[in-house]
């Protein structure tokens, strides 16, 4: 059985109080993965949290795993999670469509594997879905959702809906994710950064036989699998910027203000400068 499905499973430092206290901790052997030799300490330290989470979402829920040619819609594609999702889908020879908040992010997404990019700021139907009994409000929402679905086709260059929708915003986007996901496809979610209340038009869910799957971090095999992809050069860690340990509060502030650089940031802990550790 998958140990991540055990009732006792807790993510260290996330579901435990006050962080990890890693300087006082001992790890079991299965919790340790060898650092890819070709990576610096900062590159090796920046990808595994988001990378293993994204890998489980995309490769851990058979039969809804990425196969060659599959279309995958990736929300928040310039963030740590989304950027690694683009990389993993590309490594599996899938076709990721990136969703971002402004056109300036398009170049980054294309460089990391996206076959098309959608600017969500061009749409205004986000948020909880209106009551289906309110014909006017629901009609306006559906018009926006259909327009977004057409944008997916335009970005892809063909009328194909996503097999997998890679979700983490949650409340604001899930109604649209449900609408555009292909028949028999899967919406997989690991967070709710815009809110935790969910509204869906269930008619599209049961009649199109879609799957709504929760996903949380990864098991040992999945963490090792994404590390091997990075080690082989098939997945880029998406390291954006490296900070000194004394700059850690600045990193937190950047994230709070949503001004952090694209991809993944790293903080030096014991390394005295960047560029060390690669061999």
C-alpha atoms as a PDB file:
ATOM      1  CA  UNK A   1       0.000   0.000   0.000  1.00  0.00           C
ATOM      2  CA  UNK A   2       0.988   3.617  -0.532  1.00  0.00           C
ATOM      3  CA  UNK A   3       2.322   4.907   2.828  1.00  0.00           C
ATOM      4  CA  UNK A   4       1.024   8.368   1.964  1.00  0.00           C
ATOM      5  CA  UNK A   5      -2.495   6.990   2.446  1.00  0.00           C
ATOM      6  CA  UNK A   6      -1.852   5.905   6.039  1.00  0.00           C
ATOM      7  CA  UNK A   7      -3.934   7.734   8.656  1.00  0.00           C
ATOM      8  CA  UNK A   8      -0.755   8.445  10.623  1.00  0.00           C
ATOM      9  CA  UNK A   9       1.129  10.131   7.773  1.00  0.00           C
ATOM     10  CA  UNK A  10       2.266  13.688   8.510  1.00  0.00           C
ATOM     11  CA  UNK A  11       4.462  15.964   6.404  1.00  0.00           C
ATOM     12  CA  UNK A  12       7.426  16.938   8.538  1.00  0.00           C
ATOM     13  CA  UNK A  13       7.584  20.678   9.065  1.00  0.00           C
ATOM     14  CA  UNK A  14       4.172  21.254   7.474  1.00  0.00           C
ATOM     15  CA  UNK A  15       1.710  19.146   9.467  1.00  0.00           C
ATOM     16  CA  UNK A  16       3.920  19.225  12.562  1.00  0.00           C
ATOM     17  CA  UNK A  17       4.216  22.199  14.910  1.00  0.00           C
ATOM     18  CA  UNK A  18       6.791  24.975  14.589  1.00  0.00           C
ATOM     19  CA  UNK A  19       8.694  23.700  11.582  1.00  0.00           C
ATOM     20  CA  UNK A  20      11.033  20.731  11.424  1.00  0.00           C
ATOM     21  CA  UNK A  21      13.813  21.490  13.947  1.00  0.00           C
ATOM     22  CA  UNK A  22      16.016  19.700  11.432  1.00  0.00           C
ATOM     23  CA  UNK A  23      19.234  20.597  13.238  1.00  0.00           C
ATOM     24  CA  UNK A  24      18.110  18.345  16.108  1.00  0.00           C
ATOM     25  CA  UNK A  25      16.498  15.608  14.039  1.00  0.00           C
ATOM     26  CA  UNK A  26      17.502  12.183  12.837  1.00  0.00           C
ATOM     27  CA  UNK A  27      16.096  10.764   9.591  1.00  0.00           C
ATOM     28  CA  UNK A  28      15.390   7.185   8.651  1.00  0.00           C
ATOM     29  CA  UNK A  29      17.384   5.858   5.715  1.00  0.00           C
ATOM     30  CA  UNK A  30      14.365   5.725   3.404  1.00  0.00           C
ATOM     31  CA  UNK A  31      13.794   9.446   3.985  1.00  0.00           C
ATOM     32  CA  UNK A  32      17.160  10.358   2.452  1.00  0.00           C
ATOM     33  CA  UNK A  33      17.839  10.707  -1.270  1.00  0.00           C
ATOM     34  CA  UNK A  34      21.327  11.197  -2.663  1.00  0.00           C
ATOM     35  CA  UNK A  35      21.959  14.647  -4.102  1.00  0.00           C
ATOM     36  CA  UNK A  36      22.326  14.620  -7.892  1.00  0.00           C
ATOM     37  CA  UNK A  37      26.072  14.976  -8.376  1.00  0.00           C
ATOM     38  CA  UNK A  38      25.817  17.455 -11.229  1.00  0.00           C
ATOM     39  CA  UNK A  39      23.829  19.977  -9.178  1.00  0.00           C
ATOM     40  CA  UNK A  40      25.036  22.725  -6.876  1.00  0.00           C
ATOM     41  CA  UNK A  41      23.719  22.742  -3.328  1.00  0.00           C
ATOM     42  CA  UNK A  42      21.257  25.503  -4.125  1.00  0.00           C
ATOM     43  CA  UNK A  43      19.900  23.778  -7.244  1.00  0.00           C
ATOM     44  CA  UNK A  44      19.625  20.459  -5.420  1.00  0.00           C
ATOM     45  CA  UNK A  45      17.892  22.093  -2.484  1.00  0.00           C
ATOM     46  CA  UNK A  46      15.219  23.980  -4.394  1.00  0.00           C
ATOM     47  CA  UNK A  47      13.235  21.384  -6.349  1.00  0.00           C
ATOM     48  CA  UNK A  48      12.261  18.356  -4.278  1.00  0.00           C
ATOM     49  CA  UNK A  49       9.282  19.711  -2.340  1.00  0.00           C
ATOM     50  CA  UNK A  50       7.442  21.041  -5.387  1.00  0.00           C
ATOM     51  CA  UNK A  51       8.942  18.464  -7.732  1.00  0.00           C
ATOM     52  CA  UNK A  52       7.813  15.431  -5.765  1.00  0.00           C
ATOM     53  CA  UNK A  53       4.371  16.965  -5.196  1.00  0.00           C
ATOM     54  CA  UNK A  54       3.979  17.665  -8.912  1.00  0.00           C
ATOM     55  CA  UNK A  55       5.272  14.216  -9.847  1.00  0.00           C
ATOM     56  CA  UNK A  56       2.709  12.453  -7.660  1.00  0.00           C
ATOM     57  CA  UNK A  57      -0.067  14.619  -9.095  1.00  0.00           C
ATOM     58  CA  UNK A  58       0.929  13.841 -12.672  1.00  0.00           C
ATOM     59  CA  UNK A  59       2.221  10.276 -12.397  1.00  0.00           C
ATOM     60  CA  UNK A  60       0.708   8.840  -9.223  1.00  0.00           C
ATOM     61  CA  UNK A  61      -2.970   8.364 -10.024  1.00  0.00           C
ATOM     62  CA  UNK A  62      -3.285   5.641 -12.638  1.00  0.00           C
ATOM     63  CA  UNK A  63      -4.768   5.442 -15.174  1.00  0.00           C
ATOM     64  CA  UNK A  64      -4.648   9.259 -15.205  1.00  0.00           C
ATOM     65  CA  UNK A  65      -0.904   9.585 -15.715  1.00  0.00           C
ATOM     66  CA  UNK A  66       0.885  11.642 -18.350  1.00  0.00           C
ATOM     67  CA  UNK A  67       1.553   9.731 -21.554  1.00  0.00           C
ATOM     68  CA  UNK A  68       3.012  10.954 -24.859  1.00  0.00           C
ATOM     69  CA  UNK A  69       0.709  13.493 -26.491  1.00  0.00           C
ATOM     70  CA  UNK A  70      -1.499  14.058 -23.441  1.00  0.00           C
ATOM     71  CA  UNK A  71      -2.741  17.603 -22.871  1.00  0.00           C
ATOM     72  CA  UNK A  72      -2.227  18.906 -19.321  1.00  0.00           C
ATOM     73  CA  UNK A  73      -3.537  22.283 -18.137  1.00  0.00           C
ATOM     74  CA  UNK A  74      -1.202  23.782 -15.507  1.00  0.00           C
ATOM     75  CA  UNK A  75      -2.429  26.585 -13.265  1.00  0.00           C
ATOM     76  CA  UNK A  76       0.119  29.010 -11.827  1.00  0.00           C
ATOM     77  CA  UNK A  77       2.735  27.821 -14.263  1.00  0.00           C
ATOM     78  CA  UNK A  78       5.527  30.214 -13.233  1.00  0.00           C
ATOM     79  CA  UNK A  79       5.407  29.260  -9.556  1.00  0.00           C
ATOM     80  CA  UNK A  80       7.550  26.592  -7.950  1.00  0.00           C
ATOM     81  CA  UNK A  81       4.890  23.929  -8.337  1.00  0.00           C
ATOM     82  CA  UNK A  82       3.678  24.933 -11.790  1.00  0.00           C
ATOM     83  CA  UNK A  83       7.120  25.340 -13.324  1.00  0.00           C
ATOM     84  CA  UNK A  84       8.105  21.822 -12.285  1.00  0.00           C
ATOM     85  CA  UNK A  85       4.784  20.512 -13.573  1.00  0.00           C
ATOM     86  CA  UNK A  86       5.656  21.954 -16.996  1.00  0.00           C
ATOM     87  CA  UNK A  87       9.050  20.267 -16.845  1.00  0.00           C
ATOM     88  CA  UNK A  88       7.651  16.877 -15.791  1.00  0.00           C
ATOM     89  CA  UNK A  89       4.943  16.879 -18.462  1.00  0.00           C
ATOM     90  CA  UNK A  90       7.549  17.723 -21.097  1.00  0.00           C
ATOM     91  CA  UNK A  91       9.817  14.942 -19.804  1.00  0.00           C
ATOM     92  CA  UNK A  92       6.925  12.499 -20.262  1.00  0.00           C
ATOM     93  CA  UNK A  93       6.367  13.895 -23.787  1.00  0.00           C
ATOM     94  CA  UNK A  94       3.030  15.379 -22.865  1.00  0.00           C
ATOM     95  CA  UNK A  95       1.740  18.791 -23.961  1.00  0.00           C
ATOM     96  CA  UNK A  96       1.415  21.287 -21.103  1.00  0.00           C
ATOM     97  CA  UNK A  97      -0.733  24.403 -21.424  1.00  0.00           C
ATOM     98  CA  UNK A  98       0.367  27.084 -18.950  1.00  0.00           C
ATOM     99  CA  UNK A  99      -2.034  29.449 -17.178  1.00  0.00           C
ATOM    100  CA  UNK A 100      -0.460  32.684 -15.900  1.00  0.00           C
ATOM    101  CA  UNK A 101      -1.525  36.131 -14.716  1.00  0.00           C
ATOM    102  CA  UNK A 102       0.253  38.316 -17.289  1.00  0.00           C
ATOM    103  CA  UNK A 103       1.867  38.096 -20.708  1.00  0.00           C
ATOM    104  CA  UNK A 104       5.354  38.783 -19.334  1.00  0.00           C
ATOM    105  CA  UNK A 105       5.400  35.222 -17.999  1.00  0.00           C
ATOM    106  CA  UNK A 106       4.895  33.597 -21.393  1.00  0.00           C
ATOM    107  CA  UNK A 107       8.584  33.377 -22.317  1.00  0.00           C
ATOM    108  CA  UNK A 108       9.467  31.573 -19.074  1.00  0.00           C
ATOM    109  CA  UNK A 109       6.693  29.027 -19.604  1.00  0.00           C
ATOM    110  CA  UNK A 110       7.677  28.288 -23.188  1.00  0.00           C
ATOM    111  CA  UNK A 111      11.297  27.809 -22.128  1.00  0.00           C
ATOM    112  CA  UNK A 112      10.190  25.229 -19.564  1.00  0.00           C
ATOM    113  CA  UNK A 113       8.066  23.115 -21.851  1.00  0.00           C
ATOM    114  CA  UNK A 114       4.699  24.790 -22.391  1.00  0.00           C
ATOM    115  CA  UNK A 115       3.221  24.367 -25.864  1.00  0.00           C
ATOM    116  CA  UNK A 116       0.881  27.293 -25.235  1.00  0.00           C
ATOM    117  CA  UNK A 117       0.129  29.945 -22.613  1.00  0.00           C
ATOM    118  CA  UNK A 118      -3.148  31.486 -21.421  1.00  0.00           C
ATOM    119  CA  UNK A 119      -3.341  34.816 -19.589  1.00  0.00           C
ATOM    120  CA  UNK A 120      -6.112  34.365 -17.024  1.00  0.00           C
ATOM    121  CA  UNK A 121      -6.340  38.134 -16.513  1.00  0.00           C
ATOM    122  CA  UNK A 122      -8.181  38.332 -19.826  1.00  0.00           C
ATOM    123  CA  UNK A 123     -11.169  36.617 -18.179  1.00  0.00           C
ATOM    124  CA  UNK A 124     -13.390  37.851 -15.352  1.00  0.00           C
ATOM    125  CA  UNK A 125     -15.584  34.888 -14.401  1.00  0.00           C
ATOM    126  CA  UNK A 126     -13.346  33.626 -11.576  1.00  0.00           C
ATOM    127  CA  UNK A 127     -14.621  32.744  -8.141  1.00  0.00           C
ATOM    128  CA  UNK A 128     -17.357  30.454  -6.831  1.00  0.00           C
ATOM    129  CA  UNK A 129     -19.798  29.335  -9.491  1.00  0.00           C
ATOM    130  CA  UNK A 130     -23.204  31.097  -9.418  1.00  0.00           C
ATOM    131  CA  UNK A 131     -26.305  29.170  -8.444  1.00  0.00           C
ATOM    132  CA  UNK A 132     -27.436  27.124 -11.448  1.00  0.00           C
ATOM    133  CA  UNK A 133     -31.003  28.281 -10.728  1.00  0.00           C
ATOM    134  CA  UNK A 134     -30.000  31.883 -11.424  1.00  0.00           C
ATOM    135  CA  UNK A 135     -30.184  31.745 -15.202  1.00  0.00           C
ATOM    136  CA  UNK A 136     -28.620  35.123 -15.911  1.00  0.00           C
ATOM    137  CA  UNK A 137     -25.689  34.811 -13.499  1.00  0.00           C
ATOM    138  CA  UNK A 138     -25.007  31.222 -14.473  1.00  0.00           C
ATOM    139  CA  UNK A 139     -25.209  32.128 -18.149  1.00  0.00           C
ATOM    140  CA  UNK A 140     -22.597  34.854 -17.710  1.00  0.00           C
ATOM    141  CA  UNK A 141     -20.318  32.454 -15.856  1.00  0.00           C
ATOM    142  CA  UNK A 142     -20.762  29.742 -18.485  1.00  0.00           C
ATOM    143  CA  UNK A 143     -19.921  32.254 -21.208  1.00  0.00           C
ATOM    144  CA  UNK A 144     -16.623  32.983 -19.460  1.00  0.00           C
ATOM    145  CA  UNK A 145     -15.887  29.296 -18.923  1.00  0.00           C
ATOM    146  CA  UNK A 146     -16.557  28.520 -22.594  1.00  0.00           C
ATOM    147  CA  UNK A 147     -14.282  31.383 -23.646  1.00  0.00           C
ATOM    148  CA  UNK A 148     -11.541  29.977 -21.439  1.00  0.00           C
ATOM    149  CA  UNK A 149     -12.074  26.536 -22.954  1.00  0.00           C
ATOM    150  CA  UNK A 150     -11.660  28.040 -26.414  1.00  0.00           C
ATOM    151  CA  UNK A 151      -8.441  29.687 -25.224  1.00  0.00           C
ATOM    152  CA  UNK A 152      -7.156  26.217 -24.304  1.00  0.00           C
ATOM    153  CA  UNK A 153      -7.905  25.015 -27.854  1.00  0.00           C
ATOM    154  CA  UNK A 154      -6.297  28.121 -29.361  1.00  0.00           C
ATOM    155  CA  UNK A 155      -3.157  27.703 -27.245  1.00  0.00           C
ATOM    156  CA  UNK A 156      -2.938  24.059 -28.270  1.00  0.00           C
ATOM    157  CA  UNK A 157      -3.845  24.599 -31.913  1.00  0.00           C
ATOM    158  CA  UNK A 158      -6.530  21.913 -31.911  1.00  0.00           C
ATOM    159  CA  UNK A 159      -9.909  21.181 -30.316  1.00  0.00           C
ATOM    160  CA  UNK A 160      -8.670  18.820 -27.609  1.00  0.00           C
ATOM    161  CA  UNK A 161      -9.552  19.175 -23.934  1.00  0.00           C
ATOM    162  CA  UNK A 162      -7.039  18.423 -21.166  1.00  0.00           C
ATOM    163  CA  UNK A 163      -6.698  14.852 -19.935  1.00  0.00           C
ATOM    164  CA  UNK A 164      -5.344  16.256 -16.661  1.00  0.00           C
ATOM    165  CA  UNK A 165      -5.962  19.620 -15.019  1.00  0.00           C
ATOM    166  CA  UNK A 166      -3.159  20.416 -12.571  1.00  0.00           C
ATOM    167  CA  UNK A 167      -4.923  22.413  -9.829  1.00  0.00           C
ATOM    168  CA  UNK A 168      -3.858  24.254  -6.714  1.00  0.00           C
ATOM    169  CA  UNK A 169      -5.647  27.662  -6.692  1.00  0.00           C
ATOM    170  CA  UNK A 170      -8.869  25.922  -5.649  1.00  0.00           C
ATOM    171  CA  UNK A 171     -11.945  28.030  -4.980  1.00  0.00           C
ATOM    172  CA  UNK A 172     -11.519  30.633  -7.731  1.00  0.00           C
ATOM    173  CA  UNK A 173     -10.631  28.237 -10.549  1.00  0.00           C
ATOM    174  CA  UNK A 174     -12.136  24.821  -9.816  1.00  0.00           C
ATOM    175  CA  UNK A 175     -15.495  25.505 -11.490  1.00  0.00           C
ATOM    176  CA  UNK A 176     -13.646  26.307 -14.724  1.00  0.00           C
ATOM    177  CA  UNK A 177     -11.230  23.395 -14.308  1.00  0.00           C
ATOM    178  CA  UNK A 178     -14.210  21.066 -14.064  1.00  0.00           C
ATOM    179  CA  UNK A 179     -15.781  22.631 -17.148  1.00  0.00           C
ATOM    180  CA  UNK A 180     -12.723  22.349 -19.432  1.00  0.00           C
ATOM    181  CA  UNK A 181     -11.389  18.965 -18.296  1.00  0.00           C
ATOM    182  CA  UNK A 182     -11.834  16.347 -20.991  1.00  0.00           C
ATOM    183  CA  UNK A 183     -14.335  13.494 -20.843  1.00  0.00           C
ATOM    184  CA  UNK A 184     -12.934  10.773 -18.600  1.00  0.00           C
ATOM    185  CA  UNK A 185     -10.166  13.131 -17.478  1.00  0.00           C
ATOM    186  CA  UNK A 186      -8.914  14.136 -14.046  1.00  0.00           C
ATOM    187  CA  UNK A 187      -8.686  17.331 -12.028  1.00  0.00           C
ATOM    188  CA  UNK A 188      -5.908  16.733  -9.490  1.00  0.00           C
ATOM    189  CA  UNK A 189      -5.411  19.202  -6.646  1.00  0.00           C
ATOM    190  CA  UNK A 190      -2.865  19.680  -3.868  1.00  0.00           C
ATOM    191  CA  UNK A 191      -3.809  23.058  -2.353  1.00  0.00           C
ATOM    192  CA  UNK A 192      -6.376  25.840  -2.181  1.00  0.00           C
ATOM    193  CA  UNK A 193      -4.448  29.075  -2.480  1.00  0.00           C
ATOM    194  CA  UNK A 194      -7.542  31.124  -3.391  1.00  0.00           C
ATOM    195  CA  UNK A 195      -9.847  29.454  -0.869  1.00  0.00           C
ATOM    196  CA  UNK A 196     -11.152  26.114   0.333  1.00  0.00           C
ATOM    197  CA  UNK A 197     -14.837  26.230  -0.579  1.00  0.00           C
ATOM    198  CA  UNK A 198     -15.627  24.280  -3.746  1.00  0.00           C
ATOM    199  CA  UNK A 199     -18.462  24.827  -6.217  1.00  0.00           C
ATOM    200  CA  UNK A 200     -18.847  22.606  -9.276  1.00  0.00           C
ATOM    201  CA  UNK A 201     -21.506  21.966 -11.869  1.00  0.00           C
ATOM    202  CA  UNK A 202     -21.852  18.269 -11.118  1.00  0.00           C
ATOM    203  CA  UNK A 203     -23.628  17.619 -14.406  1.00  0.00           C
ATOM    204  CA  UNK A 204     -20.301  18.000 -16.195  1.00  0.00           C
ATOM    205  CA  UNK A 205     -18.712  15.751 -13.594  1.00  0.00           C
ATOM    206  CA  UNK A 206     -20.906  12.662 -13.687  1.00  0.00           C
ATOM    207  CA  UNK A 207     -22.101  12.759 -17.287  1.00  0.00           C
ATOM    208  CA  UNK A 208     -18.573  13.324 -18.587  1.00  0.00           C
ATOM    209  CA  UNK A 209     -17.260  10.801 -16.032  1.00  0.00           C
ATOM    210  CA  UNK A 210     -14.469  12.977 -14.699  1.00  0.00           C
ATOM    211  CA  UNK A 211     -12.274  12.362 -11.670  1.00  0.00           C
ATOM    212  CA  UNK A 212     -11.573  14.867  -8.882  1.00  0.00           C
ATOM    213  CA  UNK A 213      -8.448  13.675  -7.095  1.00  0.00           C
ATOM    214  CA  UNK A 214      -6.716  15.052  -4.017  1.00  0.00           C
ATOM    215  CA  UNK A 215      -2.940  14.626  -3.837  1.00  0.00           C
ATOM    216  CA  UNK A 216      -0.449  15.317  -1.027  1.00  0.00           C
ATOM    217  CA  UNK A 217       3.353  15.453  -1.420  1.00  0.00           C
ATOM    218  CA  UNK A 218       4.728  12.026  -2.504  1.00  0.00           C
ATOM    219  CA  UNK A 219       5.918   8.638  -1.393  1.00  0.00           C
ATOM    220  CA  UNK A 220       9.566   7.522  -1.445  1.00  0.00           C
ATOM    221  CA  UNK A 221       9.407   6.043  -4.934  1.00  0.00           C
ATOM    222  CA  UNK A 222       7.905   9.192  -6.429  1.00  0.00           C
ATOM    223  CA  UNK A 223      10.459  11.456  -4.738  1.00  0.00           C
ATOM    224  CA  UNK A 224      13.244   9.252  -6.082  1.00  0.00           C
ATOM    225  CA  UNK A 225      11.698   9.170  -9.563  1.00  0.00           C
ATOM    226  CA  UNK A 226      11.607  12.949  -9.941  1.00  0.00           C
ATOM    227  CA  UNK A 227      15.139  13.218  -8.537  1.00  0.00           C
ATOM    228  CA  UNK A 228      16.339  10.790 -11.190  1.00  0.00           C
ATOM    229  CA  UNK A 229      14.694  12.902 -13.886  1.00  0.00           C
ATOM    230  CA  UNK A 230      16.565  15.938 -12.574  1.00  0.00           C
ATOM    231  CA  UNK A 231      19.815  13.996 -12.323  1.00  0.00           C
ATOM    232  CA  UNK A 232      19.432  12.851 -15.934  1.00  0.00           C
ATOM    233  CA  UNK A 233      18.882  16.423 -17.103  1.00  0.00           C
ATOM    234  CA  UNK A 234      15.311  15.696 -18.205  1.00  0.00           C
ATOM    235  CA  UNK A 235      13.777  18.050 -15.630  1.00  0.00           C
ATOM    236  CA  UNK A 236      15.247  21.443 -14.761  1.00  0.00           C
ATOM    237  CA  UNK A 237      15.076  22.434 -11.053  1.00  0.00           C
ATOM    238  CA  UNK A 238      13.836  25.888 -12.145  1.00  0.00           C
ATOM    239  CA  UNK A 239      16.139  27.695  -9.716  1.00  0.00           C
ATOM    240  CA  UNK A 240      15.379  31.399  -9.999  1.00  0.00           C
ATOM    241  CA  UNK A 241      17.442  33.154  -7.357  1.00  0.00           C
ATOM    242  CA  UNK A 242      19.613  32.218  -4.386  1.00  0.00           C
ATOM    243  CA  UNK A 243      19.692  34.146  -1.110  1.00  0.00           C
ATOM    244  CA  UNK A 244      21.934  34.145   1.942  1.00  0.00           C
ATOM    245  CA  UNK A 245      20.539  32.793   5.194  1.00  0.00           C
ATOM    246  CA  UNK A 246      20.312  36.330   6.581  1.00  0.00           C
ATOM    247  CA  UNK A 247      18.003  37.215   3.676  1.00  0.00           C
ATOM    248  CA  UNK A 248      15.412  34.598   4.606  1.00  0.00           C
ATOM    249  CA  UNK A 249      12.877  37.177   5.898  1.00  0.00           C
ATOM    250  CA  UNK A 250      13.102  38.944   2.529  1.00  0.00           C
ATOM    251  CA  UNK A 251      12.170  35.687   0.786  1.00  0.00           C
ATOM    252  CA  UNK A 252       9.127  35.276   3.011  1.00  0.00           C
ATOM    253  CA  UNK A 253       8.085  38.854   2.297  1.00  0.00           C
ATOM    254  CA  UNK A 254       8.435  38.338  -1.452  1.00  0.00           C
ATOM    255  CA  UNK A 255       6.151  35.314  -1.250  1.00  0.00           C
ATOM    256  CA  UNK A 256       3.634  37.146   0.928  1.00  0.00           C
ATOM    257  CA  UNK A 257       3.542  40.037  -1.555  1.00  0.00           C
ATOM    258  CA  UNK A 258       3.449  37.644  -4.541  1.00  0.00           C
ATOM    259  CA  UNK A 259       6.585  39.293  -5.913  1.00  0.00           C
ATOM    260  CA  UNK A 260       8.899  36.290  -5.772  1.00  0.00           C
ATOM    261  CA  UNK A 261      10.842  35.426  -8.939  1.00  0.00           C
ATOM    262  CA  UNK A 262       9.576  32.732 -11.284  1.00  0.00           C
ATOM    263  CA  UNK A 263      10.390  29.130 -10.437  1.00  0.00           C
ATOM    264  CA  UNK A 264      12.043  28.163  -7.136  1.00  0.00           C
ATOM    265  CA  UNK A 265      14.103  30.250  -4.741  1.00  0.00           C
ATOM    266  CA  UNK A 266      16.941  28.802  -2.656  1.00  0.00           C
ATOM    267  CA  UNK A 267      18.549  29.871   0.612  1.00  0.00           C
ATOM    268  CA  UNK A 268      22.149  28.986   1.494  1.00  0.00           C
ATOM    269  CA  UNK A 269      22.413  27.259   4.875  1.00  0.00           C
ATOM    270  CA  UNK A 270      25.914  25.821   5.291  1.00  0.00           C
ATOM    271  CA  UNK A 271      27.300  26.674   1.853  1.00  0.00           C
ATOM    272  CA  UNK A 272      29.463  29.788   2.000  1.00  0.00           C
ATOM    273  CA  UNK A 273      28.658  30.885  -1.545  1.00  0.00           C
ATOM    274  CA  UNK A 274      26.741  29.813  -4.627  1.00  0.00           C
ATOM    275  CA  UNK A 275      28.118  27.334  -7.129  1.00  0.00           C
ATOM    276  CA  UNK A 276      29.427  24.747  -4.676  1.00  0.00           C
ATOM    277  CA  UNK A 277      28.630  21.036  -4.532  1.00  0.00           C
ATOM    278  CA  UNK A 278      28.560  20.116  -8.216  1.00  0.00           C
ATOM    279  CA  UNK A 279      30.892  17.395  -9.464  1.00  0.00           C
END
